[in-house]
């Protein structure tokens, strides 16, 4: 074996060790990382049973905005700033009993994706009177380029919910 082969072998072994060490260190620090999904208005839903329970506990005259997302979705991550600003505005204007924001991370909620026949992320579904079985308005693949877009969208959906 030539010296070049020996050096190449040492390099490969050291590279593999560095990758393992880096992955281990990253995994050890994951619990210290603040995730962007921790800063979303509303309640995070974990699974079908949690979803059904949360909807059962909602006020019956509430307008519910349910945002389907994935924590590792680049579109969702880019979308949340404006979503948060829009939801802040709505909560301040109408109050937490009239406007409710729920969020379902599809990493663990595939059954909800099937239930509502989702095709894109992010997706917001609006429910009238807290009725989880009949989404009143659906707007798939809705992106907010600005906070004003988010506010206008939420206001339009809320106004439509108030019609008989």
Protein backbone atom coordinates (compact mmCIF):
# COMPACT_ATOMS: atom_id res chain seq x y z
CA UNK A 1 0.00 0.00 0.00
CA UNK A 2 1.42 3.37 -0.97
CA UNK A 3 1.67 6.38 1.30
CA UNK A 4 -1.08 8.11 -0.70
CA UNK A 5 -3.46 5.22 -0.01
CA UNK A 6 -2.58 5.31 3.69
CA UNK A 7 -3.17 9.07 3.85
CA UNK A 8 -6.44 8.71 1.99
CA UNK A 9 -7.56 5.99 4.43
CA UNK A 10 -6.66 8.15 7.44
CA UNK A 11 -8.48 11.11 5.89
CA UNK A 12 -11.64 9.06 5.32
CA UNK A 13 -11.61 7.68 8.87
CA UNK A 14 -11.09 11.14 10.37
CA UNK A 15 -13.84 12.61 8.18
CA UNK A 16 -16.28 9.91 9.28
CA UNK A 17 -15.38 10.48 12.94
CA UNK A 18 -15.86 14.24 12.57
CA UNK A 19 -19.29 13.72 10.98
CA UNK A 20 -20.38 11.39 13.80
CA UNK A 21 -19.08 13.80 16.44
CA UNK A 22 -20.84 16.74 14.79
CA UNK A 23 -24.16 14.84 14.52
CA UNK A 24 -23.91 13.75 18.16
CA UNK A 25 -23.17 17.27 19.36
CA UNK A 26 -26.05 18.65 17.30
CA UNK A 27 -28.42 16.04 18.72
CA UNK A 28 -27.32 16.86 22.26
CA UNK A 29 -28.11 20.54 21.74
CA UNK A 30 -31.46 20.07 19.98
CA UNK A 31 -33.39 20.47 23.22
CA UNK A 32 -31.77 23.89 23.73
CA UNK A 33 -32.83 25.16 20.29
CA UNK A 34 -35.95 27.29 20.22
CA UNK A 35 -38.06 26.08 17.33
CA UNK A 36 -39.96 28.54 15.17
CA UNK A 37 -43.16 26.58 15.82
CA UNK A 38 -42.94 27.57 19.50
CA UNK A 39 -43.70 31.16 18.46
CA UNK A 40 -46.97 30.56 16.61
CA UNK A 41 -50.23 31.89 18.03
CA UNK A 42 -52.69 29.20 18.91
CA UNK A 43 -52.65 25.68 20.20
CA UNK A 44 -50.57 22.96 18.60
CA UNK A 45 -52.50 19.76 17.87
CA UNK A 46 -50.89 16.37 18.28
CA UNK A 47 -52.85 13.61 16.57
CA UNK A 48 -56.49 12.85 15.80
CA UNK A 49 -57.59 12.27 19.40
CA UNK A 50 -56.07 15.58 20.51
CA UNK A 51 -57.75 17.32 17.55
CA UNK A 52 -61.19 15.89 18.38
CA UNK A 53 -60.84 16.81 22.07
CA UNK A 54 -59.75 20.37 21.34
CA UNK A 55 -62.65 20.91 18.93
CA UNK A 56 -65.13 19.49 21.45
CA UNK A 57 -63.95 22.08 23.99
CA UNK A 58 -64.26 25.11 21.67
CA UNK A 59 -66.96 27.76 22.02
CA UNK A 60 -69.69 27.03 19.48
CA UNK A 61 -69.81 30.61 18.16
CA UNK A 62 -66.07 30.79 17.43
CA UNK A 63 -64.38 31.14 14.07
CA UNK A 64 -61.55 28.62 14.00
CA UNK A 65 -58.50 28.94 11.77
CA UNK A 66 -56.64 25.65 11.49
CA UNK A 67 -53.17 25.87 9.99
CA UNK A 68 -51.63 22.65 8.68
CA UNK A 69 -47.85 22.84 8.62
CA UNK A 70 -44.66 20.85 8.97
CA UNK A 71 -41.82 22.09 11.09
CA UNK A 72 -39.29 21.26 8.37
CA UNK A 73 -41.34 22.81 5.51
CA UNK A 74 -39.48 25.83 4.09
CA UNK A 75 -42.76 27.41 2.86
CA UNK A 76 -44.32 27.08 6.32
CA UNK A 77 -41.26 28.54 7.99
CA UNK A 78 -41.28 31.53 5.64
CA UNK A 79 -45.05 31.95 6.08
CA UNK A 80 -45.26 32.02 9.86
CA UNK A 81 -44.05 35.58 10.47
CA UNK A 82 -46.97 37.08 8.59
CA UNK A 83 -49.35 34.43 9.97
CA UNK A 84 -48.30 35.42 13.49
CA UNK A 85 -48.81 39.13 12.79
CA UNK A 86 -52.25 38.48 11.28
CA UNK A 87 -53.32 36.25 14.14
CA UNK A 88 -52.04 38.81 16.71
CA UNK A 89 -54.20 41.45 15.05
CA UNK A 90 -57.30 39.24 14.99
CA UNK A 91 -56.90 38.14 18.61
CA UNK A 92 -56.54 41.75 19.77
CA UNK A 93 -59.50 42.94 17.70
CA UNK A 94 -62.01 40.12 18.34
CA UNK A 95 -60.69 38.28 21.38
CA UNK A 96 -59.66 34.69 22.00
CA UNK A 97 -63.26 33.46 22.42
CA UNK A 98 -64.43 34.64 18.99
CA UNK A 99 -61.30 33.85 16.98
CA UNK A 100 -59.33 30.67 17.67
CA UNK A 101 -56.11 29.58 16.03
CA UNK A 102 -55.15 25.91 15.99
CA UNK A 103 -52.04 24.47 14.36
CA UNK A 104 -51.49 20.89 13.26
CA UNK A 105 -47.95 19.75 12.50
CA UNK A 106 -48.41 17.07 9.85
CA UNK A 107 -45.23 15.34 10.97
CA UNK A 108 -47.52 13.48 13.38
CA UNK A 109 -51.00 14.19 11.97
CA UNK A 110 -51.25 12.29 8.70
CA UNK A 111 -54.79 11.20 9.57
CA UNK A 112 -55.87 14.86 9.63
CA UNK A 113 -54.29 15.46 6.23
CA UNK A 114 -56.36 12.59 4.86
CA UNK A 115 -59.52 13.75 6.63
CA UNK A 116 -59.39 17.18 4.97
CA UNK A 117 -57.82 15.97 1.69
CA UNK A 118 -54.86 18.33 1.93
CA UNK A 119 -52.75 18.72 -1.16
CA UNK A 120 -50.36 21.54 -0.25
CA UNK A 121 -48.54 23.09 2.66
CA UNK A 122 -49.12 25.47 4.23
CA UNK A 123 -52.91 25.13 4.27
CA UNK A 124 -55.39 27.05 6.38
CA UNK A 125 -58.92 25.76 6.82
CA UNK A 126 -61.57 27.92 8.46
CA UNK A 127 -64.41 26.44 10.48
CA UNK A 128 -67.66 28.16 11.34
CA UNK A 129 -69.01 27.81 14.86
CA UNK A 130 -66.24 25.42 15.90
CA UNK A 131 -67.65 22.61 13.75
CA UNK A 132 -64.72 20.34 12.86
CA UNK A 133 -66.75 18.16 10.52
CA UNK A 134 -67.77 20.89 8.08
CA UNK A 135 -65.07 23.31 7.05
CA UNK A 136 -66.87 26.45 5.97
CA UNK A 137 -64.18 27.95 3.77
CA UNK A 138 -61.03 26.32 2.53
CA UNK A 139 -58.13 28.13 0.96
CA UNK A 140 -55.32 25.77 0.13
CA UNK A 141 -51.81 26.92 -0.50
CA UNK A 142 -52.50 30.43 0.78
CA UNK A 143 -49.32 32.43 1.19
CA UNK A 144 -49.06 35.78 2.88
CA UNK A 145 -46.37 37.99 1.40
CA UNK A 146 -46.92 40.65 4.04
CA UNK A 147 -48.56 41.01 7.42
CA UNK A 148 -51.24 43.13 5.73
CA UNK A 149 -52.05 40.19 3.41
CA UNK A 150 -52.53 37.97 6.46
CA UNK A 151 -54.77 40.49 8.20
CA UNK A 152 -56.89 40.99 5.06
CA UNK A 153 -57.24 37.22 4.62
CA UNK A 154 -58.28 36.61 8.24
CA UNK A 155 -60.72 39.56 8.18
CA UNK A 156 -62.33 38.29 4.96
CA UNK A 157 -62.69 34.76 6.33
CA UNK A 158 -64.03 36.05 9.65
CA UNK A 159 -66.61 38.30 7.93
CA UNK A 160 -67.79 35.38 5.77
CA UNK A 161 -68.26 33.30 8.91
CA UNK A 162 -70.62 35.90 10.35
CA UNK A 163 -73.12 35.52 7.51
CA UNK A 164 -76.18 33.35 8.23
